[in-house]
């Protein structure tokens, strides 16, 4: 029964977070290498994105680090809709990616 409960919780989590990172620039499901397991998002700091040191990240700055990002995906991250990411918006996105691709399941017991 716990297996089904864990699967249900995982499915709900993935469904709920899929919109948050669908266009993050990672090749979700297009290769054998999981981009989240590689840690590109979780190891990228705000300062790595903010090349002009403005305190904000433009779409161009974001796309330079995550080249497959579409404008629509970037817009989903831009919660205050000002056309750029602030540190808080980046941290929310980064936190949503913690552990992605690193799921381990316990062996089923009978």
C-alpha atoms as a PDB file:
ATOM      1  CA  UNK A   1       0.000   0.000   0.000  1.00  0.00           C
ATOM      2  CA  UNK A   2       2.867   2.389   0.774  1.00  0.00           C
ATOM      3  CA  UNK A   3       4.207   1.838  -2.732  1.00  0.00           C
ATOM      4  CA  UNK A   4       0.948   3.120  -4.242  1.00  0.00           C
ATOM      5  CA  UNK A   5       0.875   6.054  -1.848  1.00  0.00           C
ATOM      6  CA  UNK A   6       4.462   6.970  -2.745  1.00  0.00           C
ATOM      7  CA  UNK A   7       3.676   6.700  -6.450  1.00  0.00           C
ATOM      8  CA  UNK A   8       0.612   8.902  -6.058  1.00  0.00           C
ATOM      9  CA  UNK A   9       2.543  11.551  -4.111  1.00  0.00           C
ATOM     10  CA  UNK A  10       5.355  11.478  -6.673  1.00  0.00           C
ATOM     11  CA  UNK A  11       2.895  11.781  -9.574  1.00  0.00           C
ATOM     12  CA  UNK A  12       1.152  14.756  -7.973  1.00  0.00           C
ATOM     13  CA  UNK A  13       4.507  16.419  -7.267  1.00  0.00           C
ATOM     14  CA  UNK A  14       5.715  15.906 -10.826  1.00  0.00           C
ATOM     15  CA  UNK A  15       2.473  17.158 -12.305  1.00  0.00           C
ATOM     16  CA  UNK A  16       2.472  20.212 -10.090  1.00  0.00           C
ATOM     17  CA  UNK A  17       6.104  21.113 -10.721  1.00  0.00           C
ATOM     18  CA  UNK A  18       6.305  20.207 -14.403  1.00  0.00           C
ATOM     19  CA  UNK A  19       5.057  23.629 -15.428  1.00  0.00           C
ATOM     20  CA  UNK A  20       7.718  25.284 -13.321  1.00  0.00           C
ATOM     21  CA  UNK A  21      10.565  23.720 -15.219  1.00  0.00           C
ATOM     22  CA  UNK A  22       9.141  22.606 -18.524  1.00  0.00           C
ATOM     23  CA  UNK A  23      11.134  25.152 -20.508  1.00  0.00           C
ATOM     24  CA  UNK A  24      14.141  25.573 -18.249  1.00  0.00           C
ATOM     25  CA  UNK A  25      16.566  24.811 -21.045  1.00  0.00           C
ATOM     26  CA  UNK A  26      17.232  21.251 -19.986  1.00  0.00           C
ATOM     27  CA  UNK A  27      16.557  18.475 -22.439  1.00  0.00           C
ATOM     28  CA  UNK A  28      13.720  16.844 -20.493  1.00  0.00           C
ATOM     29  CA  UNK A  29      13.208  13.347 -21.799  1.00  0.00           C
ATOM     30  CA  UNK A  30      15.269  13.802 -24.957  1.00  0.00           C
ATOM     31  CA  UNK A  31      18.410  11.996 -23.883  1.00  0.00           C
ATOM     32  CA  UNK A  32      19.600   9.231 -21.610  1.00  0.00           C
ATOM     33  CA  UNK A  33      21.301  11.801 -19.388  1.00  0.00           C
ATOM     34  CA  UNK A  34      19.008  13.488 -16.900  1.00  0.00           C
ATOM     35  CA  UNK A  35      19.889  17.214 -16.863  1.00  0.00           C
ATOM     36  CA  UNK A  36      18.729  17.604 -13.260  1.00  0.00           C
ATOM     37  CA  UNK A  37      20.956  14.796 -12.071  1.00  0.00           C
ATOM     38  CA  UNK A  38      23.869  16.555 -13.746  1.00  0.00           C
ATOM     39  CA  UNK A  39      23.173  19.509 -11.484  1.00  0.00           C
ATOM     40  CA  UNK A  40      23.343  22.350 -14.019  1.00  0.00           C
ATOM     41  CA  UNK A  41      20.385  24.161 -12.467  1.00  0.00           C
ATOM     42  CA  UNK A  42      21.119  23.367  -8.839  1.00  0.00           C
ATOM     43  CA  UNK A  43      24.758  24.441  -9.191  1.00  0.00           C
ATOM     44  CA  UNK A  44      24.080  27.667 -11.076  1.00  0.00           C
ATOM     45  CA  UNK A  45      24.081  30.684  -8.803  1.00  0.00           C
ATOM     46  CA  UNK A  46      22.232  33.923  -9.450  1.00  0.00           C
ATOM     47  CA  UNK A  47      25.583  35.663  -9.955  1.00  0.00           C
ATOM     48  CA  UNK A  48      26.413  33.178 -12.737  1.00  0.00           C
ATOM     49  CA  UNK A  49      23.341  34.407 -14.615  1.00  0.00           C
ATOM     50  CA  UNK A  50      23.533  38.130 -13.833  1.00  0.00           C
ATOM     51  CA  UNK A  51      26.443  38.896 -16.158  1.00  0.00           C
ATOM     52  CA  UNK A  52      25.924  42.673 -16.157  1.00  0.00           C
ATOM     53  CA  UNK A  53      25.656  42.748 -12.327  1.00  0.00           C
ATOM     54  CA  UNK A  54      22.360  44.651 -12.502  1.00  0.00           C
ATOM     55  CA  UNK A  55      20.707  42.567  -9.804  1.00  0.00           C
ATOM     56  CA  UNK A  56      18.332  41.115 -12.394  1.00  0.00           C
ATOM     57  CA  UNK A  57      18.577  38.446 -15.080  1.00  0.00           C
ATOM     58  CA  UNK A  58      17.290  39.248 -18.542  1.00  0.00           C
ATOM     59  CA  UNK A  59      15.988  36.615 -20.935  1.00  0.00           C
ATOM     60  CA  UNK A  60      19.210  36.986 -22.948  1.00  0.00           C
ATOM     61  CA  UNK A  61      21.377  36.394 -19.864  1.00  0.00           C
ATOM     62  CA  UNK A  62      19.286  33.355 -18.905  1.00  0.00           C
ATOM     63  CA  UNK A  63      19.389  31.960 -22.448  1.00  0.00           C
ATOM     64  CA  UNK A  64      23.191  32.310 -22.530  1.00  0.00           C
ATOM     65  CA  UNK A  65      23.386  29.761 -19.704  1.00  0.00           C
ATOM     66  CA  UNK A  66      20.341  27.678 -20.705  1.00  0.00           C
ATOM     67  CA  UNK A  67      20.327  27.994 -24.516  1.00  0.00           C
ATOM     68  CA  UNK A  68      17.231  25.875 -25.174  1.00  0.00           C
ATOM     69  CA  UNK A  69      15.030  28.132 -23.061  1.00  0.00           C
ATOM     70  CA  UNK A  70      12.009  29.581 -24.820  1.00  0.00           C
ATOM     71  CA  UNK A  71      10.624  33.030 -23.990  1.00  0.00           C
ATOM     72  CA  UNK A  72       7.392  31.421 -22.771  1.00  0.00           C
ATOM     73  CA  UNK A  73       9.307  29.304 -20.248  1.00  0.00           C
ATOM     74  CA  UNK A  74      11.257  32.303 -19.000  1.00  0.00           C
ATOM     75  CA  UNK A  75       7.990  34.226 -18.638  1.00  0.00           C
ATOM     76  CA  UNK A  76       6.636  31.457 -16.389  1.00  0.00           C
ATOM     77  CA  UNK A  77       9.561  32.020 -14.025  1.00  0.00           C
ATOM     78  CA  UNK A  78       9.080  35.785 -14.044  1.00  0.00           C
ATOM     79  CA  UNK A  79       6.342  35.852 -11.421  1.00  0.00           C
ATOM     80  CA  UNK A  80       6.147  39.649 -11.111  1.00  0.00           C
ATOM     81  CA  UNK A  81       6.005  39.953 -14.924  1.00  0.00           C
ATOM     82  CA  UNK A  82       8.626  42.684 -15.158  1.00  0.00           C
ATOM     83  CA  UNK A  83      10.541  40.972 -17.984  1.00  0.00           C
ATOM     84  CA  UNK A  84      13.458  39.859 -15.841  1.00  0.00           C
ATOM     85  CA  UNK A  85      14.243  37.489 -13.001  1.00  0.00           C
ATOM     86  CA  UNK A  86      15.145  38.726  -9.571  1.00  0.00           C
ATOM     87  CA  UNK A  87      17.048  36.645  -7.031  1.00  0.00           C
ATOM     88  CA  UNK A  88      13.865  35.370  -5.343  1.00  0.00           C
ATOM     89  CA  UNK A  89      12.367  34.181  -8.635  1.00  0.00           C
ATOM     90  CA  UNK A  90      15.610  32.335  -9.458  1.00  0.00           C
ATOM     91  CA  UNK A  91      15.743  30.712  -6.011  1.00  0.00           C
ATOM     92  CA  UNK A  92      12.142  29.463  -6.324  1.00  0.00           C
ATOM     93  CA  UNK A  93      12.995  27.922  -9.696  1.00  0.00           C
ATOM     94  CA  UNK A  94      16.240  26.460  -8.383  1.00  0.00           C
ATOM     95  CA  UNK A  95      14.519  24.988  -5.314  1.00  0.00           C
ATOM     96  CA  UNK A  96      11.925  23.310  -7.561  1.00  0.00           C
ATOM     97  CA  UNK A  97      14.800  21.414  -9.217  1.00  0.00           C
ATOM     98  CA  UNK A  98      16.452  20.126  -6.039  1.00  0.00           C
ATOM     99  CA  UNK A  99      16.704  16.372  -6.175  1.00  0.00           C
ATOM    100  CA  UNK A 100      15.251  16.055  -9.659  1.00  0.00           C
ATOM    101  CA  UNK A 101      16.658  12.918 -11.261  1.00  0.00           C
ATOM    102  CA  UNK A 102      18.026  11.644  -7.980  1.00  0.00           C
ATOM    103  CA  UNK A 103      15.013   9.668  -6.780  1.00  0.00           C
ATOM    104  CA  UNK A 104      15.796   6.368  -5.139  1.00  0.00           C
ATOM    105  CA  UNK A 105      13.103   3.958  -4.168  1.00  0.00           C
ATOM    106  CA  UNK A 106      13.324   1.425  -1.397  1.00  0.00           C
ATOM    107  CA  UNK A 107      12.910  -2.194  -2.423  1.00  0.00           C
ATOM    108  CA  UNK A 108       9.367  -3.426  -2.105  1.00  0.00           C
ATOM    109  CA  UNK A 109       8.802  -5.710   0.843  1.00  0.00           C
ATOM    110  CA  UNK A 110       6.123  -8.317   1.131  1.00  0.00           C
END
